[in-house]
Amino acid sequence: MWLPLTTPEQLTAIAQESHEHPVLIFKHSTTCSISAMAKTKIERQWADSGLADTTIYYLDLLRFRPISNQIAQQFSVHHESPQLLLIQGGECTYDASHMGIQLREVKEVIAG
């Protein structure tokens, strides 16, 4: 399910990929219990979300903080943790953080 996001070059590829199909980025702090709860919630709901064919990248914020900063700048979003971003057409069309992350809402945004 999770594809690791570990290099700045991947963000360029993600932006390009998002012109073909929606892409998700989940920013996670490995030392935060709320972030762990949000990650578990996504994992539990994933199979029934209707998003199983959607690419989802996982960013470990503690190991790759500069990439998190680049995400904020490139996609014009305020940094949060945990945070789920939907990238479509090279732009962020949905972002939510903490327990506000709802896969149902992501599906609705994709459906238009």
PDB file of N, CA and C in Angstrom:
ATOM      1  N   MET A   1       0.823  -1.196   0.000  1.00  0.00           N
ATOM      2  CA  MET A   1       0.000   0.000   0.000  1.00  0.00           C
ATOM      3  C   MET A   1       0.865   1.258   0.000  1.00  0.00           C
ATOM      4  N   TRP A   2       1.777   1.381   0.947  1.00  0.00           N
ATOM      5  CA  TRP A   2       2.587   2.590   1.088  1.00  0.00           C
ATOM      6  C   TRP A   2       3.803   2.539   0.168  1.00  0.00           C
ATOM      7  N   LEU A   3       4.052   3.630  -0.532  1.00  0.00           N
ATOM      8  CA  LEU A   3       5.297   3.801  -1.276  1.00  0.00           C
ATOM      9  C   LEU A   3       6.129   4.827  -0.518  1.00  0.00           C
ATOM     10  N   PRO A   4       7.360   4.508  -0.169  1.00  0.00           N
ATOM     11  CA  PRO A   4       8.162   5.464   0.591  1.00  0.00           C
ATOM     12  C   PRO A   4       8.534   6.685  -0.244  1.00  0.00           C
ATOM     13  N   LEU A   5       8.392   7.842   0.355  1.00  0.00           N
ATOM     14  CA  LEU A   5       8.792   9.111  -0.260  1.00  0.00           C
ATOM     15  C   LEU A   5      10.072   9.540   0.438  1.00  0.00           C
ATOM     16  N   THR A   6      11.196   9.449  -0.279  1.00  0.00           N
ATOM     17  CA  THR A   6      12.498   9.655   0.362  1.00  0.00           C
ATOM     18  C   THR A   6      13.419  10.617  -0.375  1.00  0.00           C
ATOM     19  N   THR A   7      13.026  11.053  -1.589  1.00  0.00           N
ATOM     20  CA  THR A   7      13.903  11.952  -2.342  1.00  0.00           C
ATOM     21  C   THR A   7      13.111  13.135  -2.899  1.00  0.00           C
ATOM     22  N   PRO A   8      13.751  14.280  -3.002  1.00  0.00           N
ATOM     23  CA  PRO A   8      13.080  15.446  -3.582  1.00  0.00           C
ATOM     24  C   PRO A   8      12.647  15.201  -5.031  1.00  0.00           C
ATOM     25  N   GLU A   9      13.398  14.390  -5.751  1.00  0.00           N
ATOM     26  CA  GLU A   9      13.072  14.107  -7.152  1.00  0.00           C
ATOM     27  C   GLU A   9      11.716  13.409  -7.287  1.00  0.00           C
ATOM     28  N   GLN A  10      11.341  12.656  -6.264  1.00  0.00           N
ATOM     29  CA  GLN A  10      10.047  11.985  -6.307  1.00  0.00           C
ATOM     30  C   GLN A  10       8.896  12.980  -6.363  1.00  0.00           C
ATOM     31  N   LEU A  11       9.063  14.157  -5.787  1.00  0.00           N
ATOM     32  CA  LEU A  11       7.982  15.147  -5.819  1.00  0.00           C
ATOM     33  C   LEU A  11       7.706  15.621  -7.236  1.00  0.00           C
ATOM     34  N   THR A  12       8.745  15.766  -8.031  1.00  0.00           N
ATOM     35  CA  THR A  12       8.558  16.115  -9.441  1.00  0.00           C
ATOM     36  C   THR A  12       7.809  15.010 -10.149  1.00  0.00           C
ATOM     37  N   ALA A  13       8.194  13.763  -9.882  1.00  0.00           N
ATOM     38  CA  ALA A  13       7.531  12.616 -10.497  1.00  0.00           C
ATOM     39  C   ALA A  13       6.077  12.517 -10.040  1.00  0.00           C
ATOM     40  N   ILE A  14       5.821  12.793  -8.762  1.00  0.00           N
ATOM     41  CA  ILE A  14       4.460  12.751  -8.236  1.00  0.00           C
ATOM     42  C   ILE A  14       3.594  13.797  -8.931  1.00  0.00           C
ATOM     43  N   ALA A  15       4.120  15.004  -9.080  1.00  0.00           N
ATOM     44  CA  ALA A  15       3.365  16.064  -9.763  1.00  0.00           C
ATOM     45  C   ALA A  15       3.040  15.651 -11.194  1.00  0.00           C
ATOM     46  N   GLN A  16       3.997  15.041 -11.879  1.00  0.00           N
ATOM     47  CA  GLN A  16       3.758  14.572 -13.250  1.00  0.00           C
ATOM     48  C   GLN A  16       2.750  13.435 -13.269  1.00  0.00           C
ATOM     49  N   GLU A  17       2.915  12.489 -12.355  1.00  0.00           N
ATOM     50  CA  GLU A  17       2.015  11.336 -12.257  1.00  0.00           C
ATOM     51  C   GLU A  17       0.579  11.786 -12.002  1.00  0.00           C
ATOM     52  N   SER A  18       0.423  12.868 -11.237  1.00  0.00           N
ATOM     53  CA  SER A  18      -0.914  13.334 -10.860  1.00  0.00           C
ATOM     54  C   SER A  18      -1.704  13.891 -12.044  1.00  0.00           C
ATOM     55  N   HIS A  19      -1.042  14.118 -13.175  1.00  0.00           N
ATOM     56  CA  HIS A  19      -1.754  14.542 -14.388  1.00  0.00           C
ATOM     57  C   HIS A  19      -2.442  13.345 -15.040  1.00  0.00           C
ATOM     58  N   GLU A  20      -2.014  12.141 -14.676  1.00  0.00           N
ATOM     59  CA  GLU A  20      -2.594  10.916 -15.244  1.00  0.00           C
ATOM     60  C   GLU A  20      -3.620  10.299 -14.317  1.00  0.00           C
ATOM     61  N   HIS A  21      -3.375  10.380 -13.017  1.00  0.00           N
ATOM     62  CA  HIS A  21      -4.304   9.857 -12.016  1.00  0.00           C
ATOM     63  C   HIS A  21      -3.988  10.495 -10.670  1.00  0.00           C
ATOM     64  N   PRO A  22      -4.966  10.529  -9.767  1.00  0.00           N
ATOM     65  CA  PRO A  22      -4.752  11.142  -8.444  1.00  0.00           C
ATOM     66  C   PRO A  22      -3.666  10.402  -7.662  1.00  0.00           C
ATOM     67  N   VAL A  23      -2.928  11.166  -6.866  1.00  0.00           N
ATOM     68  CA  VAL A  23      -1.861  10.618  -6.028  1.00  0.00           C
ATOM     69  C   VAL A  23      -2.045  11.178  -4.612  1.00  0.00           C
ATOM     70  N   LEU A  24      -1.827  10.330  -3.616  1.00  0.00           N
ATOM     71  CA  LEU A  24      -1.915  10.754  -2.220  1.00  0.00           C
ATOM     72  C   LEU A  24      -0.532  10.775  -1.582  1.00  0.00           C
ATOM     73  N   ILE A  25      -0.331  11.724  -0.686  1.00  0.00           N
ATOM     74  CA  ILE A  25       0.875  11.792   0.139  1.00  0.00           C
ATOM     75  C   ILE A  25       0.421  11.845   1.591  1.00  0.00           C
ATOM     76  N   PHE A  26       0.947  10.924   2.402  1.00  0.00           N
ATOM     77  CA  PHE A  26       0.665  10.932   3.833  1.00  0.00           C
ATOM     78  C   PHE A  26       1.943  11.299   4.564  1.00  0.00           C
ATOM     79  N   LYS A  27       1.894  12.407   5.292  1.00  0.00           N
ATOM     80  CA  LYS A  27       3.037  12.873   6.070  1.00  0.00           C
ATOM     81  C   LYS A  27       2.845  12.415   7.507  1.00  0.00           C
ATOM     82  N   HIS A  28       3.827  11.681   8.014  1.00  0.00           N
ATOM     83  CA  HIS A  28       3.693  10.989   9.296  1.00  0.00           C
ATOM     84  C   HIS A  28       4.888  11.252  10.198  1.00  0.00           C
ATOM     85  N   SER A  29       4.594  11.576  11.456  1.00  0.00           N
ATOM     86  CA  SER A  29       5.637  11.692  12.464  1.00  0.00           C
ATOM     87  C   SER A  29       5.654  10.387  13.253  1.00  0.00           C
ATOM     88  N   THR A  30       6.763   9.679  13.182  1.00  0.00           N
ATOM     89  CA  THR A  30       6.856   8.351  13.795  1.00  0.00           C
ATOM     90  C   THR A  30       6.878   8.391  15.324  1.00  0.00           C
ATOM     91  N   THR A  31       7.000   9.571  15.920  1.00  0.00           N
ATOM     92  CA  THR A  31       7.011   9.662  17.386  1.00  0.00           C
ATOM     93  C   THR A  31       5.719  10.242  17.956  1.00  0.00           C
ATOM     94  N   CYS A  32       4.747  10.507  17.104  1.00  0.00           N
ATOM     95  CA  CYS A  32       3.505  11.154  17.536  1.00  0.00           C
ATOM     96  C   CYS A  32       2.371  10.133  17.584  1.00  0.00           C
ATOM     97  N   SER A  33       1.719  10.030  18.737  1.00  0.00           N
ATOM     98  CA  SER A  33       0.635   9.053  18.876  1.00  0.00           C
ATOM     99  C   SER A  33      -0.573   9.409  18.008  1.00  0.00           C
ATOM    100  N   ILE A  34      -0.855  10.683  17.821  1.00  0.00           N
ATOM    101  CA  ILE A  34      -1.976  11.082  16.960  1.00  0.00           C
ATOM    102  C   ILE A  34      -1.671  10.701  15.516  1.00  0.00           C
ATOM    103  N   SER A  35      -0.441  10.897  15.099  1.00  0.00           N
ATOM    104  CA  SER A  35      -0.044  10.512  13.752  1.00  0.00           C
ATOM    105  C   SER A  35      -0.175   9.000  13.571  1.00  0.00           C
ATOM    106  N   ALA A  36       0.216   8.250  14.578  1.00  0.00           N
ATOM    107  CA  ALA A  36       0.084   6.783  14.515  1.00  0.00           C
ATOM    108  C   ALA A  36      -1.382   6.377  14.412  1.00  0.00           C
ATOM    109  N   MET A  37      -2.259   7.057  15.143  1.00  0.00           N
ATOM    110  CA  MET A  37      -3.690   6.758  15.069  1.00  0.00           C
ATOM    111  C   MET A  37      -4.240   7.068  13.679  1.00  0.00           C
ATOM    112  N   ALA A  38      -3.829   8.187  13.096  1.00  0.00           N
ATOM    113  CA  ALA A  38      -4.298   8.557  11.757  1.00  0.00           C
ATOM    114  C   ALA A  38      -3.816   7.538  10.720  1.00  0.00           C
ATOM    115  N   LYS A  39      -2.579   7.099  10.850  1.00  0.00           N
ATOM    116  CA  LYS A  39      -2.030   6.101   9.923  1.00  0.00           C
ATOM    117  C   LYS A  39      -2.798   4.788  10.031  1.00  0.00           C
ATOM    118  N   THR A  40      -3.057   4.358  11.249  1.00  0.00           N
ATOM    119  CA  THR A  40      -3.816   3.120  11.467  1.00  0.00           C
ATOM    120  C   THR A  40      -5.224   3.243  10.901  1.00  0.00           C
ATOM    121  N   LYS A  41      -5.846   4.393  11.086  1.00  0.00           N
ATOM    122  CA  LYS A  41      -7.194   4.632  10.549  1.00  0.00           C
ATOM    123  C   LYS A  41      -7.202   4.506   9.030  1.00  0.00           C
ATOM    124  N   ILE A  42      -6.214   5.099   8.376  1.00  0.00           N
ATOM    125  CA  ILE A  42      -6.111   4.991   6.916  1.00  0.00           C
ATOM    126  C   ILE A  42      -5.947   3.530   6.518  1.00  0.00           C
ATOM    127  N   GLU A  43      -5.055   2.826   7.180  1.00  0.00           N
ATOM    128  CA  GLU A  43      -4.799   1.421   6.846  1.00  0.00           C
ATOM    129  C   GLU A  43      -6.053   0.563   7.028  1.00  0.00           C
ATOM    130  N   ARG A  44      -6.808   0.796   8.098  1.00  0.00           N
ATOM    131  CA  ARG A  44      -8.039   0.026   8.350  1.00  0.00           C
ATOM    132  C   ARG A  44      -9.107   0.299   7.293  1.00  0.00           C
ATOM    133  N   GLN A  45      -9.202   1.540   6.845  1.00  0.00           N
ATOM    134  CA  GLN A  45     -10.264   1.931   5.913  1.00  0.00           C
ATOM    135  C   GLN A  45      -9.881   1.759   4.447  1.00  0.00           C
ATOM    136  N   TRP A  46      -8.615   1.527   4.166  1.00  0.00           N
ATOM    137  CA  TRP A  46      -8.104   1.555   2.796  1.00  0.00           C
ATOM    138  C   TRP A  46      -8.835   0.584   1.872  1.00  0.00           C
ATOM    139  N   ALA A  47      -8.983  -0.662   2.277  1.00  0.00           N
ATOM    140  CA  ALA A  47      -9.567  -1.691   1.403  1.00  0.00           C
ATOM    141  C   ALA A  47     -10.996  -1.342   0.991  1.00  0.00           C
ATOM    142  N   ASP A  48     -11.747  -0.700   1.871  1.00  0.00           N
ATOM    143  CA  ASP A  48     -13.146  -0.366   1.589  1.00  0.00           C
ATOM    144  C   ASP A  48     -13.347   1.076   1.131  1.00  0.00           C
ATOM    145  N   SER A  49     -12.276   1.799   0.907  1.00  0.00           N
ATOM    146  CA  SER A  49     -12.380   3.229   0.608  1.00  0.00           C
ATOM    147  C   SER A  49     -12.703   3.532  -0.847  1.00  0.00           C
ATOM    148  N   GLY A  50     -12.525   2.550  -1.727  1.00  0.00           N
ATOM    149  CA  GLY A  50     -12.678   2.830  -3.150  1.00  0.00           C
ATOM    150  C   GLY A  50     -11.445   3.505  -3.729  1.00  0.00           C
ATOM    151  N   LEU A  51     -10.376   3.568  -2.929  1.00  0.00           N
ATOM    152  CA  LEU A  51      -9.139   4.234  -3.356  1.00  0.00           C
ATOM    153  C   LEU A  51      -7.990   3.242  -3.555  1.00  0.00           C
ATOM    154  N   ALA A  52      -8.284   1.960  -3.489  1.00  0.00           N
ATOM    155  CA  ALA A  52      -7.230   0.942  -3.513  1.00  0.00           C
ATOM    156  C   ALA A  52      -6.329   1.040  -4.747  1.00  0.00           C
ATOM    157  N   ASP A  53      -6.841   1.605  -5.835  1.00  0.00           N
ATOM    158  CA  ASP A  53      -6.022   1.762  -7.045  1.00  0.00           C
ATOM    159  C   ASP A  53      -5.249   3.077  -7.056  1.00  0.00           C
ATOM    160  N   THR A  54      -5.430   3.884  -6.021  1.00  0.00           N
ATOM    161  CA  THR A  54      -4.754   5.178  -5.936  1.00  0.00           C
ATOM    162  C   THR A  54      -3.371   4.994  -5.311  1.00  0.00           C
ATOM    163  N   THR A  55      -2.378   5.611  -5.900  1.00  0.00           N
ATOM    164  CA  THR A  55      -1.026   5.564  -5.366  1.00  0.00           C
ATOM    165  C   THR A  55      -0.966   6.404  -4.093  1.00  0.00           C
ATOM    166  N   ILE A  56      -0.381   5.839  -3.039  1.00  0.00           N
ATOM    167  CA  ILE A  56      -0.238   6.589  -1.794  1.00  0.00           C
ATOM    168  C   ILE A  56       1.208   6.514  -1.313  1.00  0.00           C
ATOM    169  N   TYR A  57       1.814   7.684  -1.178  1.00  0.00           N
ATOM    170  CA  TYR A  57       3.188   7.800  -0.709  1.00  0.00           C
ATOM    171  C   TYR A  57       3.194   8.093   0.782  1.00  0.00           C
ATOM    172  N   TYR A  58       4.211   7.594   1.443  1.00  0.00           N
ATOM    173  CA  TYR A  58       4.387   7.739   2.884  1.00  0.00           C
ATOM    174  C   TYR A  58       5.680   8.509   3.137  1.00  0.00           C
ATOM    175  N   LEU A  59       5.570   9.626   3.837  1.00  0.00           N
ATOM    176  CA  LEU A  59       6.740  10.433   4.174  1.00  0.00           C
ATOM    177  C   LEU A  59       6.982  10.382   5.674  1.00  0.00           C
ATOM    178  N   ASP A  60       8.142   9.873   6.066  1.00  0.00           N
ATOM    179  CA  ASP A  60       8.579   9.894   7.461  1.00  0.00           C
ATOM    180  C   ASP A  60       9.161  11.283   7.715  1.00  0.00           C
ATOM    181  N   LEU A  61       8.383  12.113   8.419  1.00  0.00           N
ATOM    182  CA  LEU A  61       8.776  13.511   8.625  1.00  0.00           C
ATOM    183  C   LEU A  61      10.086  13.671   9.384  1.00  0.00           C
ATOM    184  N   LEU A  62      10.336  12.779  10.307  1.00  0.00           N
ATOM    185  CA  LEU A  62      11.546  12.936  11.114  1.00  0.00           C
ATOM    186  C   LEU A  62      12.801  12.650  10.308  1.00  0.00           C
ATOM    187  N   ARG A  63      12.729  11.714   9.400  1.00  0.00           N
ATOM    188  CA  ARG A  63      13.903  11.374   8.585  1.00  0.00           C
ATOM    189  C   ARG A  63      14.059  12.288   7.374  1.00  0.00           C
ATOM    190  N   PHE A  64      12.938  12.842   6.878  1.00  0.00           N
ATOM    191  CA  PHE A  64      12.974  13.581   5.614  1.00  0.00           C
ATOM    192  C   PHE A  64      12.258  14.931   5.727  1.00  0.00           C
ATOM    193  N   ARG A  65      12.581  15.683   6.755  1.00  0.00           N
ATOM    194  CA  ARG A  65      11.939  16.985   6.982  1.00  0.00           C
ATOM    195  C   ARG A  65      12.105  17.950   5.798  1.00  0.00           C
ATOM    196  N   PRO A  66      13.279  17.996   5.135  1.00  0.00           N
ATOM    197  CA  PRO A  66      13.391  18.899   3.985  1.00  0.00           C
ATOM    198  C   PRO A  66      12.386  18.581   2.870  1.00  0.00           C
ATOM    199  N   ILE A  67      12.027  17.315   2.715  1.00  0.00           N
ATOM    200  CA  ILE A  67      11.034  16.957   1.703  1.00  0.00           C
ATOM    201  C   ILE A  67       9.662  17.478   2.128  1.00  0.00           C
ATOM    202  N   SER A  68       9.361  17.408   3.418  1.00  0.00           N
ATOM    203  CA  SER A  68       8.103  17.963   3.912  1.00  0.00           C
ATOM    204  C   SER A  68       8.031  19.459   3.631  1.00  0.00           C
ATOM    205  N   ASN A  69       9.113  20.154   3.848  1.00  0.00           N
ATOM    206  CA  ASN A  69       9.157  21.589   3.554  1.00  0.00           C
ATOM    207  C   ASN A  69       8.954  21.843   2.065  1.00  0.00           C
ATOM    208  N   GLN A  70       9.553  21.003   1.239  1.00  0.00           N
ATOM    209  CA  GLN A  70       9.407  21.147  -0.214  1.00  0.00           C
ATOM    210  C   GLN A  70       7.954  20.893  -0.629  1.00  0.00           C
ATOM    211  N   ILE A  71       7.300  19.919  -0.006  1.00  0.00           N
ATOM    212  CA  ILE A  71       5.884  19.645  -0.288  1.00  0.00           C
ATOM    213  C   ILE A  71       5.050  20.885   0.004  1.00  0.00           C
ATOM    214  N   ALA A  72       5.273  21.484   1.176  1.00  0.00           N
ATOM    215  CA  ALA A  72       4.520  22.684   1.558  1.00  0.00           C
ATOM    216  C   ALA A  72       4.689  23.788   0.532  1.00  0.00           C
ATOM    217  N   GLN A  73       5.913  23.982   0.087  1.00  0.00           N
ATOM    218  CA  GLN A  73       6.190  25.038  -0.893  1.00  0.00           C
ATOM    219  C   GLN A  73       5.635  24.685  -2.263  1.00  0.00           C
ATOM    220  N   GLN A  74       5.920  23.487  -2.742  1.00  0.00           N
ATOM    221  CA  GLN A  74       5.537  23.104  -4.107  1.00  0.00           C
ATOM    222  C   GLN A  74       4.026  23.050  -4.289  1.00  0.00           C
ATOM    223  N   PHE A  75       3.308  22.572  -3.259  1.00  0.00           N
ATOM    224  CA  PHE A  75       1.863  22.394  -3.394  1.00  0.00           C
ATOM    225  C   PHE A  75       1.049  23.441  -2.627  1.00  0.00           C
ATOM    226  N   SER A  76       1.733  24.465  -2.117  1.00  0.00           N
ATOM    227  CA  SER A  76       1.088  25.602  -1.444  1.00  0.00           C
ATOM    228  C   SER A  76       0.153  25.161  -0.313  1.00  0.00           C
ATOM    229  N   VAL A  77       0.696  24.341   0.579  1.00  0.00           N
ATOM    230  CA  VAL A  77      -0.067  23.891   1.745  1.00  0.00           C
ATOM    231  C   VAL A  77       0.732  24.187   3.006  1.00  0.00           C
ATOM    232  N   HIS A  78       0.017  24.432   4.066  1.00  0.00           N
ATOM    233  CA  HIS A  78       0.630  24.642   5.371  1.00  0.00           C
ATOM    234  C   HIS A  78       1.056  23.289   5.920  1.00  0.00           C
ATOM    235  N   HIS A  79       2.251  23.214   6.479  1.00  0.00           N
ATOM    236  CA  HIS A  79       2.743  21.958   7.045  1.00  0.00           C
ATOM    237  C   HIS A  79       1.917  21.545   8.252  1.00  0.00           C
ATOM    238  N   GLU A  80       1.496  20.294   8.267  1.00  0.00           N
ATOM    239  CA  GLU A  80       0.821  19.683   9.411  1.00  0.00           C
ATOM    240  C   GLU A  80       1.399  18.279   9.575  1.00  0.00           C
ATOM    241  N   SER A  81       1.126  17.681  10.709  1.00  0.00           N
ATOM    242  CA  SER A  81       1.521  16.297  10.941  1.00  0.00           C
ATOM    243  C   SER A  81       0.588  15.689  11.974  1.00  0.00           C
ATOM    244  N   PRO A  82      -0.060  14.628  11.620  1.00  0.00           N
ATOM    245  CA  PRO A  82      -0.085  13.957  10.320  1.00  0.00           C
ATOM    246  C   PRO A  82      -0.886  14.783   9.318  1.00  0.00           C
ATOM    247  N   GLN A  83      -0.662  14.491   8.047  1.00  0.00           N
ATOM    248  CA  GLN A  83      -1.354  15.241   6.996  1.00  0.00           C
ATOM    249  C   GLN A  83      -1.509  14.345   5.774  1.00  0.00           C
ATOM    250  N   LEU A  84      -2.688  14.392   5.165  1.00  0.00           N
ATOM    251  CA  LEU A  84      -2.945  13.673   3.925  1.00  0.00           C
ATOM    252  C   LEU A  84      -3.224  14.689   2.838  1.00  0.00           C
ATOM    253  N   LEU A  85      -2.496  14.566   1.737  1.00  0.00           N
ATOM    254  CA  LEU A  85      -2.641  15.469   0.600  1.00  0.00           C
ATOM    255  C   LEU A  85      -3.074  14.678  -0.625  1.00  0.00           C
ATOM    256  N   LEU A  86      -4.026  15.226  -1.371  1.00  0.00           N
ATOM    257  CA  LEU A  86      -4.433  14.663  -2.658  1.00  0.00           C
ATOM    258  C   LEU A  86      -3.872  15.565  -3.742  1.00  0.00           C
ATOM    259  N   ILE A  87      -3.076  14.967  -4.618  1.00  0.00           N
ATOM    260  CA  ILE A  87      -2.457  15.727  -5.710  1.00  0.00           C
ATOM    261  C   ILE A  87      -3.134  15.314  -7.016  1.00  0.00           C
ATOM    262  N   GLN A  88      -3.686  16.296  -7.710  1.00  0.00           N
ATOM    263  CA  GLN A  88      -4.342  16.080  -9.005  1.00  0.00           C
ATOM    264  C   GLN A  88      -3.922  17.207  -9.942  1.00  0.00           C
ATOM    265  N   GLY A  89      -3.578  16.854 -11.155  1.00  0.00           N
ATOM    266  CA  GLY A  89      -3.195  17.878 -12.130  1.00  0.00           C
ATOM    267  C   GLY A  89      -2.041  18.739 -11.665  1.00  0.00           C
ATOM    268  N   GLY A  90      -1.151  18.161 -10.844  1.00  0.00           N
ATOM    269  CA  GLY A  90       0.015  18.886 -10.373  1.00  0.00           C
ATOM    270  C   GLY A  90      -0.251  19.805  -9.185  1.00  0.00           C
ATOM    271  N   GLU A  91      -1.484  19.793  -8.664  1.00  0.00           N
ATOM    272  CA  GLU A  91      -1.846  20.672  -7.558  1.00  0.00           C
ATOM    273  C   GLU A  91      -2.476  19.886  -6.425  1.00  0.00           C
ATOM    274  N   CYS A  92      -2.397  20.435  -5.226  1.00  0.00           N
ATOM    275  CA  CYS A  92      -3.063  19.826  -4.079  1.00  0.00           C
ATOM    276  C   CYS A  92      -4.535  20.239  -4.105  1.00  0.00           C
ATOM    277  N   THR A  93      -5.432  19.242  -4.195  1.00  0.00           N
ATOM    278  CA  THR A  93      -6.863  19.526  -4.261  1.00  0.00           C
ATOM    279  C   THR A  93      -7.585  19.164  -2.967  1.00  0.00           C
ATOM    280  N   TYR A  94      -6.864  18.542  -2.030  1.00  0.00           N
ATOM    281  CA  TYR A  94      -7.420  18.188  -0.726  1.00  0.00           C
ATOM    282  C   TYR A  94      -6.265  18.062   0.237  1.00  0.00           C
ATOM    283  N   ASP A  95      -6.422  18.635   1.405  1.00  0.00           N
ATOM    284  CA  ASP A  95      -5.476  18.342   2.472  1.00  0.00           C
ATOM    285  C   ASP A  95      -6.222  18.387   3.793  1.00  0.00           C
ATOM    286  N   ALA A  96      -5.871  17.444   4.633  1.00  0.00           N
ATOM    287  CA  ALA A  96      -6.478  17.363   5.958  1.00  0.00           C
ATOM    288  C   ALA A  96      -5.422  16.864   6.918  1.00  0.00           C
ATOM    289  N   SER A  97      -5.627  17.177   8.183  1.00  0.00           N
ATOM    290  CA  SER A  97      -4.650  16.750   9.176  1.00  0.00           C
ATOM    291  C   SER A  97      -5.342  16.154  10.388  1.00  0.00           C
ATOM    292  N   HIS A  98      -4.547  15.502  11.182  1.00  0.00           N
ATOM    293  CA  HIS A  98      -4.980  14.876  12.422  1.00  0.00           C
ATOM    294  C   HIS A  98      -6.194  13.981  12.176  1.00  0.00           C
ATOM    295  N   MET A  99      -7.160  14.037  13.048  1.00  0.00           N
ATOM    296  CA  MET A  99      -8.315  13.145  12.896  1.00  0.00           C
ATOM    297  C   MET A  99      -9.321  13.688  11.874  1.00  0.00           C
ATOM    298  N   GLY A 100      -9.001  14.799  11.238  1.00  0.00           N
ATOM    299  CA  GLY A 100      -9.831  15.327  10.154  1.00  0.00           C
ATOM    300  C   GLY A 100      -9.620  14.600   8.844  1.00  0.00           C
ATOM    301  N   ILE A 101      -8.654  13.713   8.794  1.00  0.00           N
ATOM    302  CA  ILE A 101      -8.374  12.950   7.575  1.00  0.00           C
ATOM    303  C   ILE A 101      -9.517  11.964   7.353  1.00  0.00           C
ATOM    304  N   GLN A 102     -10.190  12.098   6.204  1.00  0.00           N
ATOM    305  CA  GLN A 102     -11.341  11.253   5.874  1.00  0.00           C
ATOM    306  C   GLN A 102     -11.180  10.722   4.450  1.00  0.00           C
ATOM    307  N   LEU A 103     -10.990   9.427   4.304  1.00  0.00           N
ATOM    308  CA  LEU A 103     -10.856   8.842   2.965  1.00  0.00           C
ATOM    309  C   LEU A 103     -12.123   9.032   2.145  1.00  0.00           C
ATOM    310  N   ARG A 104     -13.272   9.074   2.803  1.00  0.00           N
ATOM    311  CA  ARG A 104     -14.541   9.315   2.115  1.00  0.00           C
ATOM    312  C   ARG A 104     -14.501  10.681   1.410  1.00  0.00           C
ATOM    313  N   GLU A 105     -13.945  11.678   2.081  1.00  0.00           N
ATOM    314  CA  GLU A 105     -13.839  13.009   1.484  1.00  0.00           C
ATOM    315  C   GLU A 105     -12.874  13.006   0.305  1.00  0.00           C
ATOM    316  N   VAL A 106     -11.789  12.270   0.428  1.00  0.00           N
ATOM    317  CA  VAL A 106     -10.831  12.158  -0.687  1.00  0.00           C
ATOM    318  C   VAL A 106     -11.542  11.589  -1.903  1.00  0.00           C
ATOM    319  N   LYS A 107     -12.301  10.519  -1.706  1.00  0.00           N
ATOM    320  CA  LYS A 107     -13.041   9.873  -2.790  1.00  0.00           C
ATOM    321  C   LYS A 107     -14.006  10.861  -3.431  1.00  0.00           C
ATOM    322  N   GLU A 108     -14.684  11.680  -2.630  1.00  0.00           N
ATOM    323  CA  GLU A 108     -15.629  12.671  -3.152  1.00  0.00           C
ATOM    324  C   GLU A 108     -14.916  13.725  -4.000  1.00  0.00           C
ATOM    325  N   VAL A 109     -13.745  14.171  -3.558  1.00  0.00           N
ATOM    326  CA  VAL A 109     -12.986  15.161  -4.324  1.00  0.00           C
ATOM    327  C   VAL A 109     -12.544  14.571  -5.660  1.00  0.00           C
ATOM    328  N   ILE A 110     -12.086  13.333  -5.635  1.00  0.00           N
ATOM    329  CA  ILE A 110     -11.664  12.686  -6.882  1.00  0.00           C
ATOM    330  C   ILE A 110     -12.847  12.541  -7.841  1.00  0.00           C
ATOM    331  N   ALA A 111     -13.998  12.166  -7.314  1.00  0.00           N
ATOM    332  CA  ALA A 111     -15.186  11.957  -8.141  1.00  0.00           C
ATOM    333  C   ALA A 111     -15.690  13.282  -8.740  1.00  0.00           C
ATOM    334  N   GLY A 112     -15.335  14.384  -8.080  1.00  0.00           N
ATOM    335  CA  GLY A 112     -15.717  15.691  -8.592  1.00  0.00           C
ATOM    336  C   GLY A 112     -17.101  16.022  -8.171  1.00  0.00           C
TER     337      GLY A 112
END
